[in-house]
Amino acid sequence: MRHKVKDKLFMLRPGFYQGTEGPFYCGDSVAVEGLLGFFPQLRGEVDVEYIDAQRPRIALVGLIGDENQSAPVLILADGKIPLDEGVQTRLYGNTRFIDSPDHIRRYLSSQYGVARPA
């Protein structure tokens, strides 16, 4: 297994279709994207990758399993533990991840020293 140096954030690429319906965007990804817009320095701290909405989402399956394909999701770098003890993480093998948009934002705010939600 390769060593993960930075946290990695996966979000759905906007403009996707579901069958013949669309285009759509993911509201949960928009909420996280908003935090990145307010604090652009976070993009230097976290690797951000936009993925297609269609399943299987191979990039996620390879890291956190077929059952954990929800996005947005933040994969924590090796050895990273949230500073905010209220942030809930999940574990797949040795990979720790956060799949709640609220907890992703809390983690990014506390871990990288930007403002928190009121």
N, C-alpha and C. Protein backbone atom coordinates (compact mmCIF):
# COMPACT_ATOMS: atom_id res chain seq x y z
N MET A 1 0.85 -1.19 0.00
CA MET A 1 0.00 0.00 0.00
C MET A 1 0.89 1.25 0.00
N ARG A 2 0.53 2.22 -0.81
CA ARG A 2 1.34 3.43 -0.87
C ARG A 2 1.00 4.36 0.30
N HIS A 3 1.94 5.19 0.66
CA HIS A 3 1.79 6.12 1.77
C HIS A 3 1.00 7.35 1.31
N LYS A 4 -0.07 7.66 2.01
CA LYS A 4 -0.87 8.84 1.69
C LYS A 4 -0.31 10.03 2.46
N VAL A 5 0.20 11.03 1.74
CA VAL A 5 0.84 12.18 2.36
C VAL A 5 -0.18 13.25 2.75
N LYS A 6 -1.16 13.49 1.87
CA LYS A 6 -2.18 14.50 2.12
C LYS A 6 -3.54 13.82 2.23
N ASP A 7 -4.45 14.49 2.96
CA ASP A 7 -5.84 14.07 2.91
C ASP A 7 -6.32 14.23 1.47
N LYS A 8 -7.27 13.38 1.07
CA LYS A 8 -7.78 13.45 -0.29
C LYS A 8 -9.30 13.52 -0.27
N LEU A 9 -9.82 14.56 -0.89
CA LEU A 9 -11.24 14.82 -0.94
C LEU A 9 -11.79 14.47 -2.31
N PHE A 10 -12.80 13.62 -2.33
CA PHE A 10 -13.47 13.24 -3.57
C PHE A 10 -14.85 13.88 -3.59
N MET A 11 -15.17 14.57 -4.69
CA MET A 11 -16.48 15.17 -4.86
C MET A 11 -17.00 14.84 -6.25
N LEU A 12 -18.34 14.85 -6.38
CA LEU A 12 -18.94 14.55 -7.67
C LEU A 12 -18.78 15.73 -8.62
N ARG A 13 -18.38 15.41 -9.82
CA ARG A 13 -18.26 16.41 -10.89
C ARG A 13 -19.67 16.90 -11.22
N PRO A 14 -19.90 18.22 -11.26
CA PRO A 14 -21.24 18.73 -11.57
C PRO A 14 -21.62 18.50 -13.02
N GLY A 15 -22.93 18.54 -13.26
CA GLY A 15 -23.45 18.39 -14.62
C GLY A 15 -23.71 16.96 -15.02
N PHE A 16 -23.91 16.08 -14.03
CA PHE A 16 -24.12 14.67 -14.35
C PHE A 16 -25.59 14.39 -14.66
N TYR A 17 -25.81 13.27 -15.31
CA TYR A 17 -27.16 12.82 -15.69
C TYR A 17 -27.47 11.53 -14.96
N GLN A 18 -28.75 11.34 -14.69
CA GLN A 18 -29.25 10.07 -14.16
C GLN A 18 -30.25 9.56 -15.18
N GLY A 19 -29.81 8.62 -16.00
CA GLY A 19 -30.62 8.17 -17.12
C GLY A 19 -30.73 9.32 -18.11
N THR A 20 -31.96 9.71 -18.42
CA THR A 20 -32.18 10.82 -19.35
C THR A 20 -32.42 12.14 -18.62
N GLU A 21 -32.40 12.11 -17.29
CA GLU A 21 -32.66 13.31 -16.47
C GLU A 21 -31.35 14.04 -16.16
N GLY A 22 -31.43 15.36 -16.13
CA GLY A 22 -30.27 16.15 -15.76
C GLY A 22 -30.15 17.35 -16.66
N PRO A 23 -29.09 18.09 -16.54
CA PRO A 23 -27.94 17.83 -15.68
C PRO A 23 -28.22 18.17 -14.21
N PHE A 24 -27.48 17.50 -13.32
CA PHE A 24 -27.60 17.68 -11.88
C PHE A 24 -26.26 18.07 -11.28
N TYR A 25 -26.33 18.54 -10.03
CA TYR A 25 -25.13 18.69 -9.20
C TYR A 25 -25.45 18.08 -7.85
N CYS A 26 -24.43 17.74 -7.11
CA CYS A 26 -24.58 17.14 -5.78
C CYS A 26 -24.60 18.25 -4.74
N GLY A 27 -25.73 18.40 -4.03
CA GLY A 27 -25.85 19.43 -3.01
C GLY A 27 -24.84 19.28 -1.88
N ASP A 28 -24.53 18.05 -1.51
CA ASP A 28 -23.54 17.82 -0.45
C ASP A 28 -22.15 18.27 -0.91
N SER A 29 -21.83 18.01 -2.18
CA SER A 29 -20.53 18.47 -2.70
C SER A 29 -20.48 19.99 -2.77
N VAL A 30 -21.61 20.62 -3.10
CA VAL A 30 -21.66 22.09 -3.16
C VAL A 30 -21.34 22.69 -1.79
N ALA A 31 -21.86 22.09 -0.73
CA ALA A 31 -21.60 22.60 0.62
C ALA A 31 -20.11 22.56 0.95
N VAL A 32 -19.45 21.48 0.58
CA VAL A 32 -18.00 21.37 0.84
C VAL A 32 -17.25 22.30 -0.10
N GLU A 33 -17.68 22.37 -1.35
CA GLU A 33 -17.06 23.27 -2.33
C GLU A 33 -17.12 24.71 -1.85
N GLY A 34 -18.23 25.08 -1.19
CA GLY A 34 -18.36 26.42 -0.64
C GLY A 34 -17.28 26.73 0.38
N LEU A 35 -16.95 25.79 1.24
CA LEU A 35 -15.88 25.99 2.22
C LEU A 35 -14.54 26.19 1.50
N LEU A 36 -14.30 25.39 0.45
CA LEU A 36 -13.07 25.53 -0.32
C LEU A 36 -13.03 26.89 -1.02
N GLY A 37 -14.19 27.41 -1.42
CA GLY A 37 -14.25 28.73 -2.04
C GLY A 37 -13.96 29.84 -1.05
N PHE A 38 -14.48 29.71 0.17
CA PHE A 38 -14.22 30.71 1.21
C PHE A 38 -12.76 30.71 1.63
N PHE A 39 -12.14 29.54 1.67
CA PHE A 39 -10.77 29.40 2.16
C PHE A 39 -9.93 28.64 1.13
N PRO A 40 -9.54 29.32 0.04
CA PRO A 40 -8.83 28.65 -1.05
C PRO A 40 -7.51 28.01 -0.62
N GLN A 41 -6.95 28.41 0.50
CA GLN A 41 -5.70 27.80 0.99
C GLN A 41 -5.90 26.32 1.31
N LEU A 42 -7.14 25.90 1.54
CA LEU A 42 -7.40 24.49 1.81
C LEU A 42 -7.02 23.61 0.61
N ARG A 43 -7.13 24.16 -0.59
CA ARG A 43 -6.77 23.37 -1.78
C ARG A 43 -5.27 23.04 -1.81
N GLY A 44 -4.47 23.81 -1.10
CA GLY A 44 -3.05 23.50 -0.98
C GLY A 44 -2.76 22.44 0.08
N GLU A 45 -3.70 22.27 0.99
CA GLU A 45 -3.54 21.32 2.08
C GLU A 45 -4.12 19.95 1.77
N VAL A 46 -5.14 19.93 0.93
CA VAL A 46 -5.90 18.71 0.64
C VAL A 46 -5.90 18.48 -0.86
N ASP A 47 -5.69 17.25 -1.28
CA ASP A 47 -5.85 16.91 -2.70
C ASP A 47 -7.35 16.78 -2.98
N VAL A 48 -7.82 17.47 -4.01
CA VAL A 48 -9.23 17.43 -4.38
C VAL A 48 -9.35 16.75 -5.73
N GLU A 49 -10.23 15.75 -5.80
CA GLU A 49 -10.46 15.06 -7.05
C GLU A 49 -11.96 15.01 -7.32
N TYR A 50 -12.33 15.41 -8.53
CA TYR A 50 -13.72 15.35 -8.96
C TYR A 50 -13.93 14.05 -9.72
N ILE A 51 -14.98 13.33 -9.34
CA ILE A 51 -15.25 12.03 -9.94
C ILE A 51 -16.63 12.03 -10.57
N ASP A 52 -16.84 11.12 -11.52
CA ASP A 52 -18.14 10.98 -12.15
C ASP A 52 -19.13 10.36 -11.18
N ALA A 53 -20.40 10.73 -11.35
CA ALA A 53 -21.45 10.23 -10.45
C ALA A 53 -21.78 8.76 -10.70
N GLN A 54 -21.60 8.31 -11.94
CA GLN A 54 -21.97 6.94 -12.29
C GLN A 54 -21.20 5.93 -11.44
N ARG A 55 -21.93 4.91 -11.00
CA ARG A 55 -21.32 3.83 -10.23
C ARG A 55 -21.02 2.66 -11.15
N PRO A 56 -20.02 1.89 -10.86
CA PRO A 56 -19.15 1.99 -9.69
C PRO A 56 -18.18 3.16 -9.82
N ARG A 57 -17.89 3.77 -8.70
CA ARG A 57 -16.93 4.87 -8.63
C ARG A 57 -15.58 4.25 -8.27
N ILE A 58 -14.89 3.86 -9.32
CA ILE A 58 -13.67 3.03 -9.19
C ILE A 58 -12.65 3.64 -8.24
N ALA A 59 -12.46 4.96 -8.30
CA ALA A 59 -11.48 5.61 -7.43
C ALA A 59 -11.80 5.36 -5.96
N LEU A 60 -13.08 5.35 -5.61
CA LEU A 60 -13.47 5.12 -4.22
C LEU A 60 -13.44 3.64 -3.86
N VAL A 61 -13.93 2.79 -4.76
CA VAL A 61 -13.96 1.35 -4.50
C VAL A 61 -12.56 0.85 -4.18
N GLY A 62 -11.56 1.32 -4.91
CA GLY A 62 -10.19 0.89 -4.69
C GLY A 62 -9.63 1.30 -3.34
N LEU A 63 -10.15 2.38 -2.77
CA LEU A 63 -9.64 2.88 -1.49
C LEU A 63 -10.47 2.44 -0.28
N ILE A 64 -11.81 2.50 -0.43
CA ILE A 64 -12.66 2.27 0.74
C ILE A 64 -13.78 1.28 0.49
N GLY A 65 -13.69 0.51 -0.59
CA GLY A 65 -14.63 -0.59 -0.80
C GLY A 65 -15.90 -0.22 -1.54
N ASP A 66 -16.49 -1.24 -2.11
CA ASP A 66 -17.70 -1.11 -2.92
C ASP A 66 -18.87 -0.52 -2.12
N GLU A 67 -18.92 -0.80 -0.84
CA GLU A 67 -20.03 -0.35 -0.01
C GLU A 67 -19.90 1.10 0.43
N ASN A 68 -18.79 1.77 0.10
CA ASN A 68 -18.54 3.14 0.55
C ASN A 68 -18.30 4.08 -0.64
N GLN A 69 -19.28 4.15 -1.54
CA GLN A 69 -19.12 4.95 -2.75
C GLN A 69 -19.77 6.33 -2.67
N SER A 70 -20.26 6.71 -1.50
CA SER A 70 -20.91 8.01 -1.38
C SER A 70 -19.88 9.12 -1.54
N ALA A 71 -20.34 10.25 -2.05
CA ALA A 71 -19.49 11.42 -2.18
C ALA A 71 -20.32 12.63 -1.77
N PRO A 72 -19.69 13.63 -1.15
CA PRO A 72 -18.25 13.74 -0.97
C PRO A 72 -17.74 12.79 0.12
N VAL A 73 -16.46 12.49 0.00
CA VAL A 73 -15.79 11.68 1.01
C VAL A 73 -14.35 12.18 1.13
N LEU A 74 -13.86 12.21 2.36
CA LEU A 74 -12.49 12.65 2.62
C LEU A 74 -11.71 11.45 3.15
N ILE A 75 -10.66 11.08 2.43
CA ILE A 75 -9.78 9.99 2.85
C ILE A 75 -8.63 10.64 3.62
N LEU A 76 -8.46 10.24 4.87
CA LEU A 76 -7.42 10.85 5.70
C LEU A 76 -6.05 10.27 5.35
N ALA A 77 -5.07 11.15 5.36
CA ALA A 77 -3.69 10.72 5.14
C ALA A 77 -3.28 9.76 6.26
N ASP A 78 -2.33 8.91 5.97
CA ASP A 78 -1.85 7.94 6.96
C ASP A 78 -1.49 8.65 8.26
N GLY A 79 -2.02 8.14 9.37
CA GLY A 79 -1.70 8.66 10.68
C GLY A 79 -2.47 9.91 11.09
N LYS A 80 -3.27 10.47 10.22
CA LYS A 80 -4.04 11.68 10.56
C LYS A 80 -5.21 11.32 11.46
N ILE A 81 -5.33 12.07 12.55
CA ILE A 81 -6.44 11.92 13.48
C ILE A 81 -7.10 13.29 13.59
N PRO A 82 -8.43 13.37 13.54
CA PRO A 82 -9.09 14.67 13.66
C PRO A 82 -8.76 15.36 14.98
N LEU A 83 -8.47 16.66 14.89
CA LEU A 83 -8.25 17.46 16.10
C LEU A 83 -9.58 17.68 16.83
N ASP A 84 -10.65 17.81 16.07
CA ASP A 84 -12.00 17.98 16.62
C ASP A 84 -12.51 16.58 16.97
N GLU A 85 -12.62 16.31 18.26
CA GLU A 85 -13.02 14.96 18.71
C GLU A 85 -14.46 14.61 18.33
N GLY A 86 -15.25 15.62 17.93
CA GLY A 86 -16.62 15.37 17.51
C GLY A 86 -16.75 14.90 16.08
N VAL A 87 -15.66 14.92 15.32
CA VAL A 87 -15.69 14.48 13.92
C VAL A 87 -15.68 12.96 13.89
N GLN A 88 -16.68 12.39 13.24
CA GLN A 88 -16.80 10.94 13.16
C GLN A 88 -16.07 10.42 11.93
N THR A 89 -15.18 9.46 12.15
CA THR A 89 -14.48 8.82 11.04
C THR A 89 -14.95 7.38 10.93
N ARG A 90 -14.72 6.82 9.77
CA ARG A 90 -15.01 5.40 9.52
C ARG A 90 -13.71 4.75 9.10
N LEU A 91 -13.68 3.44 9.15
CA LEU A 91 -12.47 2.71 8.83
C LEU A 91 -12.79 1.60 7.83
N TYR A 92 -11.95 1.51 6.79
CA TYR A 92 -12.02 0.41 5.84
C TYR A 92 -10.60 -0.13 5.73
N GLY A 93 -10.38 -1.33 6.24
CA GLY A 93 -9.00 -1.84 6.32
C GLY A 93 -8.20 -0.90 7.22
N ASN A 94 -7.12 -0.34 6.69
CA ASN A 94 -6.31 0.63 7.43
C ASN A 94 -6.60 2.06 7.02
N THR A 95 -7.62 2.26 6.20
CA THR A 95 -7.91 3.60 5.68
C THR A 95 -9.04 4.24 6.46
N ARG A 96 -8.72 5.40 7.03
CA ARG A 96 -9.70 6.17 7.79
C ARG A 96 -10.32 7.20 6.84
N PHE A 97 -11.65 7.35 6.90
CA PHE A 97 -12.33 8.30 6.02
C PHE A 97 -13.52 8.94 6.71
N ILE A 98 -13.96 10.06 6.14
CA ILE A 98 -15.12 10.80 6.63
C ILE A 98 -16.08 10.93 5.46
N ASP A 99 -17.33 10.47 5.64
CA ASP A 99 -18.29 10.53 4.54
C ASP A 99 -19.52 11.37 4.85
N SER A 100 -19.49 12.13 5.91
CA SER A 100 -20.56 13.07 6.23
C SER A 100 -20.11 14.47 5.82
N PRO A 101 -20.87 15.16 4.96
CA PRO A 101 -20.46 16.50 4.54
C PRO A 101 -20.25 17.46 5.72
N ASP A 102 -21.12 17.37 6.74
CA ASP A 102 -20.95 18.24 7.91
C ASP A 102 -19.64 17.94 8.63
N HIS A 103 -19.32 16.66 8.77
CA HIS A 103 -18.08 16.28 9.46
C HIS A 103 -16.85 16.57 8.61
N ILE A 104 -16.98 16.48 7.29
CA ILE A 104 -15.87 16.88 6.42
C ILE A 104 -15.56 18.35 6.64
N ARG A 105 -16.59 19.19 6.66
CA ARG A 105 -16.37 20.63 6.87
C ARG A 105 -15.79 20.90 8.25
N ARG A 106 -16.31 20.24 9.27
CA ARG A 106 -15.76 20.42 10.63
C ARG A 106 -14.29 20.01 10.68
N TYR A 107 -13.97 18.89 10.05
CA TYR A 107 -12.59 18.42 10.02
C TYR A 107 -11.69 19.44 9.33
N LEU A 108 -12.08 19.90 8.14
CA LEU A 108 -11.25 20.85 7.40
C LEU A 108 -11.06 22.13 8.19
N SER A 109 -12.11 22.61 8.84
CA SER A 109 -12.01 23.83 9.63
C SER A 109 -11.04 23.69 10.80
N SER A 110 -11.18 22.62 11.55
CA SER A 110 -10.34 22.44 12.73
C SER A 110 -8.92 22.00 12.38
N GLN A 111 -8.80 21.13 11.41
CA GLN A 111 -7.49 20.57 11.07
C GLN A 111 -6.58 21.62 10.43
N TYR A 112 -7.17 22.52 9.66
CA TYR A 112 -6.36 23.47 8.90
C TYR A 112 -6.55 24.91 9.34
N GLY A 113 -7.21 25.11 10.49
CA GLY A 113 -7.25 26.41 11.14
C GLY A 113 -8.04 27.49 10.42
N VAL A 114 -9.12 27.11 9.74
CA VAL A 114 -9.98 28.12 9.12
C VAL A 114 -11.24 28.24 9.97
N ALA A 115 -12.06 29.24 9.67
CA ALA A 115 -13.27 29.49 10.46
C ALA A 115 -14.19 28.27 10.50
N ARG A 116 -14.93 28.19 11.58
CA ARG A 116 -15.90 27.11 11.78
C ARG A 116 -17.30 27.61 11.48
N PRO A 117 -18.26 26.71 11.21
CA PRO A 117 -19.63 27.17 11.03
C PRO A 117 -20.21 27.68 12.35
N ALA A 118 -21.07 28.67 12.24
CA ALA A 118 -21.69 29.26 13.44
C ALA A 118 -22.79 28.36 13.95
